[in-house]
Amino acid sequence: MLTDLEIAQKSKMIKISEIAKKINLTQDEIELYGNYKAKLSYEALDKVKNNKRGKIILVSAINPTPAGEGKSTTTIGLGDALNKLGYQTMICLREPSLGPVMGVKGGATGGGYAQVIPMEDINLHFTGDIHAITAANNLISAVIDNHLFQGNELNINPENVIWRRAMDMNDRSLRKIQVGLSLKKEVPRFDQFDISVASEIMAVFCLATNLNDLKERVARIVVAYNMESEPITVNDLQVAGAVTMLLKDAFKPNLVQTLEGNPVLIHGGPFANIAHGCNSIMATDYASKISNFTVTEAGFGADLGMEKFLDIKMRAMNTMPELVVLVATVRALKLHGGVEKDQLSIENLDALKAGVENLEKHIESVKEYNLPYVIALNKFPSDTDAELKQMLQWARDNNHPISLSEVFTKGSDGGLDLAKKVIKAIDDNQLKSKLLYDTNTSIEFKLTEIAQKIYGANDVEFSDKALEQIKVYQKLGWCNLPICVAKTPLSLSDNAKIKGRPRDFKVTVREFKPSLGAGFIVAMMGSVMTMPGLPRKGGYLDMDVIDGKIIGLF
């Protein structure tokens, strides 16, 4: 069986200038990055700003497992299938981070015959967007420490600097460091690194609607507090213009293609367990203005990616998707039902029945927004006929629209049934969608709504630190913002070890972080960290370049 990379390398790529023509872009409206990648010009973006928006389809999933679900693969395959049916369809994805690429999670370009290419470029440095975000993030850090060195006119408290440095790699040794040790005049202080995709710069980048909005959001970012506990912003440091300058080219969405020659926009890449987990508004907005359908994804399961896509990104865009596709696999559901990873290829109908409760909870969560849904059961070779029959029967018995997706092995042909059921569900829908909460409510209320209605928790507990922070935020007028929960993606709870559908549990908020530039308050739950570590055996072990040819990349 060919690897994803081998399939991609054997494919016939179309020059990106030809892909651009498919969406009515002229040569002057794209900026080439070689033959197969391009950025959209600001003129191209501006040209369609008054167009009527098409229908947005969100692809989400059950809680992820090591068994794999295939959310990006399904997104790409569904987009290809809708195009094959004659609907002008755009696909919008996030950019992969080098941390997961070199670790265990892998890339973000799909798999099998539902891929985006050139996958090796996209999964590595692509067009340099994440590097630009890293540089912008670290410029702010450099300016903070230079300000302390040059006399500290803003009276910044070195022990209350909340802005962190960033790099796009998993490196647990950088979770806590000390800076300012090289010269006597420097101000030593503790610091730490976040992975770049967890930086607020990345969140701002993905939620800004134009360059002016980007600059204004950057200016609002809170980086520290002074000795009187008053917030210090990027605007106070007078660096918002320079940061925006570093981002001005990266801020243009990237155009690539699927294996079947359909256009794809890949832009921005915030983690969904830490940040809001969606591709840029710039890309999604443009795609929806030029197509019948825009198929996009949000990171991890519906408890994180979908909730944030709806309550943060869609709120910012003042629109809603038409439908949610929930991706599940027999393998992953069996793992949620208690099967060990090395036993997943063995038929186990009882474990499958138990694990389907995780999917049921995510269906309930979609219904909280009055949105229709279709389940995409992503088929694996190890799935038995009895297991597939049981899942399809469960769906029929409970009136859940479901499609057996085979886009990995068959490309668009394997997603035609899914595409037709998605269109039917959209056409049949009579409900008016709604958001989960009003932002003009308390932080505690918003978190309780998320925890009870999306996670299935009984209640939310707050640490003493979190309660003190709420009081401070109330005084500063920061409470009328959406909440971005940072928690484990592996469980509906805040404990990664609890699989399936936990019941009678509480979640605990240990602390908050203001992200005023992004426009939300981050609530940190459980032991979630903003700088992952590499595994004992990372993906980097199998990667190499031999005679100029990349090998081992998925």
Protein backbone atom coordinates (compact mmCIF):
# COMPACT_ATOMS: atom_id res chain seq x y z
CA MET A 1 0.00 0.00 0.00
CA LEU A 2 1.38 3.40 -0.96
CA THR A 3 2.09 5.97 1.76
CA ASP A 4 0.43 9.39 1.66
CA LEU A 5 3.69 10.94 0.47
CA GLU A 6 4.09 8.35 -2.32
CA ILE A 7 0.52 8.97 -3.50
CA ALA A 8 1.17 12.71 -3.50
CA GLN A 9 4.49 12.35 -5.34
CA LYS A 10 2.90 10.17 -8.04
CA SER A 11 0.09 12.65 -8.63
CA LYS A 12 0.07 15.06 -11.54
CA MET A 13 0.09 18.56 -10.10
CA ILE A 14 -1.51 21.38 -12.04
CA LYS A 15 0.32 24.69 -12.08
CA ILE A 16 -1.20 26.98 -9.49
CA SER A 17 -1.82 29.65 -12.13
CA GLU A 18 -4.28 27.22 -13.76
CA ILE A 19 -5.95 26.46 -10.41
CA ALA A 20 -6.34 30.21 -9.92
CA LYS A 21 -8.24 30.47 -13.20
CA LYS A 22 -10.83 28.02 -11.84
CA ILE A 23 -11.86 30.66 -9.31
CA ASN A 24 -11.57 33.55 -11.75
CA LEU A 25 -8.27 34.91 -10.47
CA THR A 26 -6.02 36.68 -12.96
CA GLN A 27 -2.23 36.38 -12.95
CA ASP A 28 -2.03 39.83 -11.36
CA GLU A 29 -4.23 38.70 -8.46
CA ILE A 30 -1.95 35.93 -7.21
CA GLU A 31 1.62 35.97 -5.92
CA LEU A 32 3.52 32.84 -6.91
CA TYR A 33 5.60 30.79 -4.49
CA GLY A 34 7.03 28.46 -7.11
CA ASN A 35 4.80 26.57 -9.55
CA TYR A 36 2.33 25.03 -7.13
CA LYS A 37 1.73 27.53 -4.32
CA ALA A 38 0.47 31.09 -4.38
CA LYS A 39 -0.89 33.80 -2.17
CA LEU A 40 -3.99 35.81 -2.98
CA SER A 41 -3.35 39.51 -3.42
CA TYR A 42 -5.22 42.08 -1.38
CA GLU A 43 -6.77 43.25 -4.65
CA ALA A 44 -8.25 39.78 -5.19
CA LEU A 45 -9.67 39.75 -1.68
CA ASP A 46 -11.13 43.22 -2.04
CA LYS A 47 -12.77 42.38 -5.38
CA VAL A 48 -15.30 39.98 -3.84
CA LYS A 49 -15.95 41.63 -0.47
CA ASN A 50 -19.52 42.62 -1.42
CA ASN A 51 -20.44 39.24 -2.92
CA LYS A 52 -23.24 37.22 -1.35
CA ARG A 53 -21.93 34.49 0.92
CA GLY A 54 -22.39 30.83 -0.03
CA LYS A 55 -23.07 27.98 2.39
CA ILE A 56 -20.43 27.03 4.97
CA ILE A 57 -20.07 23.39 6.05
CA LEU A 58 -18.10 22.62 9.21
CA VAL A 59 -16.33 19.27 9.61
CA SER A 60 -15.83 18.23 13.23
CA ALA A 61 -15.38 14.90 15.01
CA ILE A 62 -15.58 12.80 18.12
CA ASN A 63 -12.82 13.18 20.71
CA PRO A 64 -9.59 12.22 18.93
CA THR A 65 -7.76 9.00 19.71
CA PRO A 66 -4.49 7.37 18.63
CA ALA A 67 -6.65 5.18 16.36
CA GLY A 68 -7.27 8.12 14.05
CA GLU A 69 -10.46 9.79 12.85
CA GLY A 70 -9.63 11.51 9.54
CA LYS A 71 -11.19 14.95 9.89
CA SER A 72 -8.92 16.69 7.36
CA THR A 73 -9.21 13.74 4.99
CA THR A 74 -12.99 13.92 5.20
CA THR A 75 -12.96 17.69 4.67
CA ILE A 76 -10.90 17.33 1.50
CA GLY A 77 -12.83 14.32 0.21
CA LEU A 78 -16.18 16.02 0.81
CA GLY A 79 -14.97 19.14 -0.98
CA ASP A 80 -13.82 17.07 -3.95
CA ALA A 81 -17.12 15.18 -4.01
CA LEU A 82 -19.20 18.37 -3.99
CA ASN A 83 -17.10 19.69 -6.88
CA LYS A 84 -17.66 16.43 -8.76
CA LEU A 85 -21.42 16.85 -8.30
CA GLY A 86 -21.15 20.22 -10.04
CA TYR A 87 -21.18 22.60 -7.08
CA GLN A 88 -18.47 25.29 -6.97
CA THR A 89 -16.81 24.31 -3.70
CA MET A 90 -13.85 25.71 -1.80
CA ILE A 91 -11.94 23.88 0.90
CA CYS A 92 -10.42 25.84 3.80
CA LEU A 93 -7.84 24.25 6.11
CA ARG A 94 -5.33 25.29 8.76
CA GLU A 95 -1.59 25.29 8.23
CA PRO A 96 0.31 22.42 9.89
CA SER A 97 2.63 23.16 12.79
CA LEU A 98 6.12 21.64 12.73
CA GLY A 99 5.64 20.46 16.31
CA PRO A 100 3.04 17.77 15.48
CA VAL A 101 4.73 17.03 12.13
CA MET A 102 7.94 16.09 13.94
CA GLY A 103 6.05 14.53 16.86
CA VAL A 104 3.23 11.99 16.73
CA LYS A 105 0.12 13.76 15.47
CA GLY A 106 1.33 14.12 11.90
CA GLY A 107 0.49 16.70 9.29
CA ALA A 108 -2.71 18.38 8.21
CA THR A 109 -3.03 17.72 4.49
CA GLY A 110 -5.39 14.74 4.57
CA GLY A 111 -4.46 11.24 3.50
CA GLY A 112 -4.75 8.56 0.86
CA TYR A 113 -6.60 9.89 -2.20
CA ALA A 114 -8.10 12.83 -0.32
CA GLN A 115 -5.04 15.04 0.03
CA VAL A 116 -3.88 18.58 -0.52
CA ILE A 117 -0.63 19.02 -2.44
CA PRO A 118 2.28 19.75 -2.47
CA MET A 119 1.95 18.02 0.90
CA GLU A 120 5.68 18.01 1.70
CA ASP A 121 5.87 21.79 1.29
CA ILE A 122 2.66 22.44 3.20
CA ASN A 123 3.72 20.23 6.12
CA LEU A 124 7.16 21.82 6.37
CA HIS A 125 7.81 25.55 5.80
CA PHE A 126 5.01 26.21 3.28
CA THR A 127 5.05 29.96 2.48
CA GLY A 128 6.62 30.95 5.80
CA ASP A 129 3.45 32.19 7.52
CA ILE A 130 4.11 30.49 10.85
CA HIS A 131 7.71 31.72 10.82
CA ALA A 132 6.40 35.28 10.35
CA ILE A 133 4.03 34.79 13.28
CA THR A 134 6.92 33.47 15.38
CA ALA A 135 9.05 36.50 14.49
CA ALA A 136 6.20 38.90 15.31
CA ASN A 137 5.62 37.18 18.65
CA ASN A 138 9.29 37.33 19.57
CA LEU A 139 9.66 40.96 18.52
CA ILE A 140 7.18 41.79 21.29
CA SER A 141 9.23 39.76 23.78
CA ALA A 142 12.44 41.51 22.69
CA VAL A 143 10.81 44.93 23.06
CA ILE A 144 9.54 44.08 26.56
CA ASP A 145 13.00 43.09 27.78
CA ASN A 146 14.60 46.03 26.01
CA HIS A 147 12.11 48.33 27.74
CA LEU A 148 13.12 46.89 31.11
CA PHE A 149 16.80 47.34 30.20
CA GLN A 150 16.37 50.93 28.99
CA GLY A 151 14.86 52.24 32.23
CA ASN A 152 11.33 50.80 32.35
CA GLU A 153 9.40 54.00 31.67
CA LEU A 154 6.09 52.10 31.83
CA ASN A 155 6.98 50.74 35.29
CA ILE A 156 6.43 47.14 34.12
CA ASN A 157 6.55 44.57 36.89
CA PRO A 158 9.17 42.03 35.70
CA GLU A 159 7.41 39.37 37.78
CA ASN A 160 4.10 40.03 36.05
CA VAL A 161 5.02 39.79 32.37
CA ILE A 162 2.44 37.43 30.84
CA TRP A 163 3.72 37.56 27.24
CA ARG A 164 5.81 34.52 26.30
CA ARG A 165 8.30 33.75 23.60
CA ALA A 166 7.39 31.27 20.87
CA MET A 167 8.83 28.69 18.49
CA ASP A 168 7.13 26.29 16.11
CA MET A 169 8.46 23.08 17.60
CA ASN A 170 7.63 20.80 20.53
CA ASP A 171 10.30 21.43 23.18
CA ARG A 172 9.39 20.72 26.81
CA SER A 173 12.71 22.11 28.06
CA LEU A 174 11.48 25.61 27.17
CA ARG A 175 8.40 25.49 29.37
CA LYS A 176 10.28 27.48 31.99
CA ILE A 177 13.43 29.50 31.39
CA GLN A 178 15.26 32.51 32.84
CA VAL A 179 16.22 35.48 30.69
CA GLY A 180 18.30 38.62 31.27
CA LEU A 181 21.41 36.88 32.60
CA SER A 182 24.08 38.10 30.18
CA LEU A 183 24.69 41.65 31.45
CA LYS A 184 24.60 43.23 34.89
CA LYS A 185 22.24 45.97 33.70
CA GLU A 186 19.66 43.49 32.41
CA VAL A 187 16.59 42.59 34.46
CA PRO A 188 16.60 38.83 35.09
CA ARG A 189 13.15 37.26 35.05
CA PHE A 190 11.49 33.94 34.47
CA ASP A 191 9.95 33.36 31.07
CA GLN A 192 8.74 30.46 28.96
CA PHE A 193 8.06 29.48 25.37
CA ASP A 194 4.71 28.61 23.84
CA ILE A 195 4.50 26.71 20.60
CA SER A 196 3.88 29.32 17.89
CA VAL A 197 0.40 28.06 17.08
CA ALA A 198 -0.60 28.80 20.69
CA SER A 199 0.57 32.42 20.46
CA GLU A 200 -2.08 35.11 20.63
CA ILE A 201 -0.50 36.49 17.46
CA MET A 202 -1.73 33.37 15.68
CA ALA A 203 -5.25 33.82 17.11
CA VAL A 204 -5.27 37.51 16.13
CA PHE A 205 -3.97 36.58 12.66
CA CYS A 206 -6.86 34.17 12.16
CA LEU A 207 -9.63 36.39 13.54
CA ALA A 208 -8.68 39.71 11.92
CA THR A 209 -10.81 40.78 8.94
CA ASN A 210 -8.31 43.13 7.25
CA LEU A 211 -4.90 44.70 7.80
CA ASN A 212 -6.27 47.62 9.82
CA ASP A 213 -8.20 45.24 12.03
CA LEU A 214 -5.05 43.13 12.42
CA LYS A 215 -3.06 46.16 13.60
CA GLU A 216 -5.80 47.26 16.01
CA ARG A 217 -6.05 43.76 17.48
CA VAL A 218 -2.28 43.50 17.88
CA ALA A 219 -2.28 46.87 19.67
CA ARG A 220 -4.86 45.59 22.21
CA ILE A 221 -2.81 42.55 23.26
CA VAL A 222 -2.04 42.63 27.00
CA VAL A 223 1.60 41.67 27.60
CA ALA A 224 2.22 42.57 31.24
CA TYR A 225 1.06 44.53 34.27
CA ASN A 226 2.80 47.47 35.93
CA MET A 227 3.64 47.84 39.60
CA GLU A 228 0.09 49.12 40.23
CA SER A 229 -1.33 45.96 38.55
CA GLU A 230 -2.57 47.95 35.56
CA PRO A 231 -2.40 46.21 32.14
CA ILE A 232 0.38 47.04 29.68
CA THR A 233 -0.45 46.52 26.00
CA VAL A 234 1.45 46.22 22.74
CA ASN A 235 0.15 49.71 21.98
CA ASP A 236 1.87 51.00 25.14
CA LEU A 237 5.13 49.51 23.83
CA GLN A 238 4.61 51.29 20.47
CA VAL A 239 5.38 48.15 18.50
CA ALA A 240 1.99 47.36 16.89
CA GLY A 241 3.07 48.87 13.56
CA ALA A 242 6.26 46.85 13.38
CA VAL A 243 4.44 43.64 14.30
CA THR A 244 1.86 44.27 11.57
CA MET A 245 4.65 44.92 9.09
CA LEU A 246 6.13 41.49 9.83
CA LEU A 247 2.72 39.92 9.15
CA LYS A 248 1.57 41.87 6.09
CA ASP A 249 2.56 39.23 3.51
CA ALA A 250 1.76 36.22 5.64
CA PHE A 251 -1.73 37.65 6.14
CA LYS A 252 -2.63 36.85 2.52
CA PRO A 253 -4.35 33.42 2.21
CA ASN A 254 -2.45 30.58 0.50
CA LEU A 255 -3.84 28.82 -2.57
CA VAL A 256 -3.01 25.15 -3.28
CA GLN A 257 -4.90 22.18 -4.75
CA THR A 258 -6.30 18.75 -3.98
CA LEU A 259 -5.10 15.61 -5.75
CA GLU A 260 -8.13 16.07 -8.01
CA GLY A 261 -7.16 19.61 -8.97
CA ASN A 262 -9.69 21.50 -6.87
CA PRO A 263 -8.70 24.81 -5.21
CA VAL A 264 -7.90 24.90 -1.50
CA LEU A 265 -7.09 27.79 0.82
CA ILE A 266 -4.75 26.96 3.70
CA HIS A 267 -4.16 29.81 6.09
CA GLY A 268 -3.44 30.13 9.81
CA GLY A 269 -3.16 27.30 12.29
CA PRO A 270 -4.16 27.86 15.93
CA PHE A 271 -4.33 24.76 18.13
CA ALA A 272 -7.89 23.97 19.20
CA ASN A 273 -6.97 22.63 22.65
CA ILE A 274 -5.21 25.92 23.50
CA ALA A 275 -6.52 28.54 21.07
CA HIS A 276 -9.68 28.61 18.93
CA GLY A 277 -8.54 26.03 16.36
CA CYS A 278 -9.87 27.41 13.06
CA ASN A 279 -8.31 28.66 9.84
CA SER A 280 -8.33 32.39 9.14
CA ILE A 281 -11.42 34.51 8.67
CA MET A 282 -9.63 36.04 5.68
CA ALA A 283 -9.60 32.66 3.91
CA THR A 284 -13.05 31.48 4.97
CA ASP A 285 -14.67 34.80 4.13
CA TYR A 286 -13.11 34.89 0.66
CA ALA A 287 -13.96 31.25 -0.05
CA SER A 288 -17.58 31.73 0.98
CA LYS A 289 -17.90 34.78 -1.29
CA ILE A 290 -16.86 32.88 -4.45
CA SER A 291 -18.44 29.45 -4.01
CA ASN A 292 -21.68 27.56 -3.49
CA PHE A 293 -20.12 25.63 -0.62
CA THR A 294 -17.13 26.21 1.63
CA VAL A 295 -16.00 23.10 3.48
CA THR A 296 -13.80 23.82 6.47
CA GLU A 297 -12.67 22.07 9.64
CA ALA A 298 -12.02 22.95 13.26
CA GLY A 299 -9.43 21.18 15.39
CA PHE A 300 -9.95 18.13 17.58
CA GLY A 301 -13.47 17.09 18.66
CA ALA A 302 -16.72 19.03 18.67
CA ASP A 303 -16.24 19.88 22.35
CA LEU A 304 -13.26 22.09 21.44
CA GLY A 305 -13.02 22.90 17.74
CA MET A 306 -16.72 23.08 16.91
CA GLU A 307 -17.68 25.04 20.01
CA LYS A 308 -14.96 27.62 19.37
CA PHE A 309 -15.67 27.76 15.64
CA LEU A 310 -19.27 28.66 16.41
CA ASP A 311 -19.00 30.79 19.54
CA ILE A 312 -15.82 32.63 18.58
CA LYS A 313 -15.14 32.55 14.83
CA MET A 314 -18.71 32.57 13.54
CA ARG A 315 -19.63 35.22 16.08
CA ALA A 316 -16.78 37.36 14.73
CA MET A 317 -17.95 36.76 11.13
CA ASN A 318 -21.62 37.36 12.03
CA THR A 319 -22.71 34.22 10.24
CA MET A 320 -23.22 30.50 10.93
CA PRO A 321 -22.53 27.27 9.04
CA GLU A 322 -25.38 25.43 7.37
CA LEU A 323 -24.41 22.02 8.73
CA VAL A 324 -21.88 20.08 10.80
CA VAL A 325 -20.28 16.85 9.60
CA LEU A 326 -19.24 14.65 12.54
CA VAL A 327 -16.39 12.29 11.68
CA ALA A 328 -16.09 8.99 13.53
CA THR A 329 -14.41 5.64 12.96
CA VAL A 330 -15.18 2.18 14.23
CA ARG A 331 -11.62 1.98 15.58
CA ALA A 332 -11.85 5.21 17.55
CA LEU A 333 -15.26 4.36 18.95
CA LYS A 334 -13.98 0.97 20.14
CA LEU A 335 -11.13 2.74 21.90
CA HIS A 336 -13.68 5.01 23.60
CA GLY A 337 -15.48 1.79 24.52
CA GLY A 338 -12.47 0.47 26.44
CA VAL A 339 -10.46 -1.48 23.87
CA GLU A 340 -6.66 -1.19 24.04
CA LYS A 341 -4.90 0.31 21.04
CA ASP A 342 -3.21 -2.96 20.05
CA GLN A 343 -6.59 -4.77 20.01
CA LEU A 344 -8.46 -2.40 17.72
CA SER A 345 -8.24 -4.66 14.67
CA ILE A 346 -10.16 -7.40 16.50
CA GLU A 347 -13.92 -7.32 16.11
CA ASN A 348 -15.60 -6.13 19.32
CA LEU A 349 -19.28 -5.21 19.00
CA ASP A 350 -19.77 -4.61 22.72
CA ALA A 351 -16.94 -2.07 22.88
CA LEU A 352 -18.30 -0.38 19.76
CA LYS A 353 -21.73 -0.10 21.39
CA ALA A 354 -20.19 1.41 24.53
CA GLY A 355 -17.95 3.82 22.61
CA VAL A 356 -20.75 5.21 20.48
CA GLU A 357 -21.85 7.20 23.54
CA ASN A 358 -19.02 9.63 22.81
CA LEU A 359 -20.49 10.29 19.38
CA GLU A 360 -23.97 10.63 20.87
CA LYS A 361 -22.79 13.42 23.17
CA HIS A 362 -21.27 15.34 20.27
CA ILE A 363 -24.54 14.99 18.35
CA GLU A 364 -26.34 16.51 21.33
CA SER A 365 -23.81 19.35 21.31
CA VAL A 366 -24.51 20.12 17.64
CA LYS A 367 -28.22 20.26 18.46
CA GLU A 368 -27.52 22.95 21.08
CA TYR A 369 -26.87 25.27 18.14
CA ASN A 370 -29.96 24.16 16.16
CA LEU A 371 -27.73 22.93 13.36
CA PRO A 372 -28.32 19.87 11.16
CA TYR A 373 -25.60 17.22 10.97
CA VAL A 374 -24.44 14.19 9.06
CA ILE A 375 -22.17 11.51 10.51
CA ALA A 376 -19.24 10.55 8.30
CA LEU A 377 -18.18 7.04 9.28
CA ASN A 378 -14.64 6.97 7.96
CA LYS A 379 -13.96 3.39 6.84
CA PHE A 380 -10.74 1.58 7.77
CA PRO A 381 -9.53 -1.74 6.29
CA SER A 382 -9.77 -3.39 9.73
CA ASP A 383 -13.49 -2.62 10.09
CA THR A 384 -15.53 -5.80 9.94
CA ASP A 385 -18.85 -6.14 8.14
CA ALA A 386 -20.57 -6.80 11.46
CA GLU A 387 -19.15 -3.63 13.01
CA LEU A 388 -20.13 -1.46 10.06
CA LYS A 389 -23.60 -3.04 9.99
CA GLN A 390 -24.04 -2.34 13.70
CA MET A 391 -23.11 1.32 13.27
CA LEU A 392 -25.42 1.83 10.31
CA GLN A 393 -28.26 0.08 12.16
CA TRP A 394 -27.67 2.24 15.26
CA ALA A 395 -27.92 5.34 13.06
CA ARG A 396 -31.17 4.15 11.42
CA ASP A 397 -32.70 3.22 14.79
CA ASN A 398 -31.93 6.67 16.19
CA ASN A 399 -32.70 8.68 13.04
CA HIS A 400 -29.12 9.90 12.63
CA PRO A 401 -28.10 10.68 9.02
CA ILE A 402 -24.92 8.72 8.34
CA SER A 403 -22.66 7.98 5.39
CA LEU A 404 -19.93 5.39 5.02
CA SER A 405 -17.04 7.53 3.82
CA GLU A 406 -14.33 5.95 1.66
CA VAL A 407 -12.55 9.08 0.45
CA PHE A 408 -9.19 7.81 1.73
CA THR A 409 -9.17 4.90 -0.73
CA LYS A 410 -11.46 6.21 -3.48
CA GLY A 411 -11.11 10.00 -3.41
CA SER A 412 -14.21 11.96 -4.41
CA ASP A 413 -16.01 8.81 -5.57
CA GLY A 414 -15.86 7.57 -1.98
CA GLY A 415 -17.53 10.76 -0.74
CA LEU A 416 -20.42 11.15 -3.19
CA ASP A 417 -22.94 9.58 -0.82
CA LEU A 418 -21.74 11.85 1.99
CA ALA A 419 -21.99 14.91 -0.25
CA LYS A 420 -25.55 14.04 -1.33
CA LYS A 421 -26.65 13.50 2.27
CA VAL A 422 -25.06 16.79 3.32
CA ILE A 423 -26.96 18.65 0.60
CA LYS A 424 -30.23 16.93 1.52
CA ALA A 425 -29.80 17.72 5.22
CA ILE A 426 -29.16 21.38 4.40
CA ASP A 427 -32.17 21.55 2.07
CA ASP A 428 -34.46 19.84 4.61
CA ASN A 429 -33.41 21.93 7.60
CA GLN A 430 -36.14 24.13 9.08
CA LEU A 431 -34.31 25.29 12.23
CA LYS A 432 -32.78 28.70 12.83
CA SER A 433 -29.25 28.34 14.21
CA LYS A 434 -28.20 30.01 17.44
CA LEU A 435 -25.10 30.55 19.53
CA LEU A 436 -24.59 28.89 22.90
CA TYR A 437 -24.41 32.01 25.07
CA ASP A 438 -24.69 35.78 25.11
CA THR A 439 -21.31 37.43 25.66
CA ASN A 440 -22.92 40.01 27.94
CA THR A 441 -23.14 37.48 30.75
CA SER A 442 -20.64 36.62 33.46
CA ILE A 443 -17.52 34.56 32.89
CA GLU A 444 -18.88 31.98 35.32
CA PHE A 445 -22.18 31.69 33.42
CA LYS A 446 -20.51 31.28 30.03
CA LEU A 447 -18.19 28.60 31.33
CA THR A 448 -21.08 26.77 32.98
CA GLU A 449 -23.00 26.80 29.70
CA ILE A 450 -20.02 25.33 27.85
CA ALA A 451 -19.25 22.75 30.53
CA GLN A 452 -22.80 21.52 31.02
CA LYS A 453 -24.16 21.69 27.47
CA ILE A 454 -21.03 20.74 25.49
CA TYR A 455 -18.93 18.59 27.85
CA GLY A 456 -21.83 17.11 29.84
CA ALA A 457 -20.32 18.18 33.16
CA ASN A 458 -22.37 18.82 36.28
CA ASP A 459 -20.56 21.99 37.26
CA VAL A 460 -17.45 24.14 37.01
CA GLU A 461 -15.04 24.70 39.88
CA PHE A 462 -12.67 27.69 40.00
CA SER A 463 -9.31 27.80 41.74
CA ASP A 464 -8.62 30.67 44.13
CA LYS A 465 -6.37 32.22 41.50
CA ALA A 466 -9.10 32.01 38.88
CA LEU A 467 -11.64 33.65 41.21
CA GLU A 468 -9.22 36.51 41.94
CA GLN A 469 -8.62 36.97 38.22
CA ILE A 470 -12.37 37.20 37.57
CA LYS A 471 -12.57 40.08 40.08
CA VAL A 472 -9.71 41.86 38.29
CA TYR A 473 -11.30 41.32 34.87
CA GLN A 474 -14.59 42.69 36.16
CA LYS A 475 -12.87 45.91 37.26
CA LEU A 476 -11.09 46.18 33.92
CA GLY A 477 -14.27 45.57 31.90
CA TRP A 478 -13.05 42.39 30.24
CA CYS A 479 -15.92 40.07 31.12
CA ASN A 480 -18.13 40.65 28.05
CA LEU A 481 -15.93 38.54 25.77
CA PRO A 482 -16.34 34.96 24.50
CA ILE A 483 -14.56 32.19 26.39
CA CYS A 484 -11.84 30.07 24.79
CA VAL A 485 -11.36 26.94 26.89
CA ALA A 486 -7.91 25.35 26.93
CA LYS A 487 -8.25 21.71 27.96
CA THR A 488 -7.30 18.22 26.89
CA PRO A 489 -8.79 17.25 23.52
CA LEU A 490 -8.72 13.55 24.42
CA SER A 491 -11.74 13.59 26.71
CA LEU A 492 -15.01 15.41 27.13
CA SER A 493 -13.77 16.09 30.66
CA ASP A 494 -10.57 17.89 31.66
CA ASN A 495 -8.88 14.55 32.40
CA ALA A 496 -7.25 12.99 29.33
CA LYS A 497 -7.57 9.47 30.75
CA ILE A 498 -11.37 9.49 30.83
CA LYS A 499 -12.68 8.17 27.50
CA GLY A 500 -16.17 7.60 26.18
CA ARG A 501 -18.93 9.72 27.67
CA PRO A 502 -18.12 10.61 31.28
CA ARG A 503 -21.01 11.43 33.60
CA ASP A 504 -21.35 13.08 37.01
CA PHE A 505 -18.10 15.03 36.77
CA LYS A 506 -16.84 18.56 37.28
CA VAL A 507 -14.26 20.54 35.36
CA THR A 508 -11.82 22.89 37.06
CA VAL A 509 -10.56 26.24 35.81
CA ARG A 510 -7.08 26.73 37.23
CA GLU A 511 -6.43 30.19 35.75
CA PHE A 512 -7.38 32.67 33.07
CA LYS A 513 -5.42 34.54 30.44
CA PRO A 514 -6.68 37.69 28.72
CA SER A 515 -6.48 37.59 24.92
CA LEU A 516 -7.91 41.01 24.19
CA GLY A 517 -6.36 41.16 20.74
CA ALA A 518 -8.01 37.91 19.73
CA GLY A 519 -11.15 39.06 21.51
CA PHE A 520 -11.63 36.29 24.05
CA ILE A 521 -10.69 35.17 27.55
CA VAL A 522 -8.75 31.90 27.77
CA ALA A 523 -9.80 29.54 30.58
CA MET A 524 -7.11 27.00 31.40
CA MET A 525 -8.53 23.65 32.58
CA GLY A 526 -6.79 20.62 33.96
CA SER A 527 -3.13 20.14 33.12
CA VAL A 528 -3.20 21.42 29.52
CA MET A 529 0.14 22.95 28.45
CA THR A 530 0.95 25.54 25.80
CA MET A 531 4.29 23.94 24.88
CA PRO A 532 4.05 20.23 24.00
CA GLY A 533 6.98 17.84 24.24
CA LEU A 534 8.32 15.39 21.69
CA PRO A 535 7.49 11.69 22.18
CA ARG A 536 10.07 8.99 22.78
CA LYS A 537 9.91 8.11 19.09
CA GLY A 538 8.86 11.09 17.03
CA GLY A 539 8.00 11.31 13.37
CA TYR A 540 11.37 12.92 12.70
CA LEU A 541 13.07 9.51 13.08
CA ASP A 542 11.75 8.28 9.71
CA MET A 543 12.31 11.48 7.74
CA ASP A 544 15.21 12.07 5.38
CA VAL A 545 16.29 13.58 2.08
CA ILE A 546 18.01 11.17 -0.31
CA ASP A 547 19.21 12.38 -3.70
CA GLY A 548 17.08 15.47 -3.26
CA LYS A 549 13.91 13.47 -2.64
CA ILE A 550 11.99 13.62 0.65
CA ILE A 551 11.16 10.25 2.22
CA GLY A 552 9.33 9.19 5.38
CA LEU A 553 6.96 12.18 5.63
CA PHE A 554 3.77 10.23 6.40
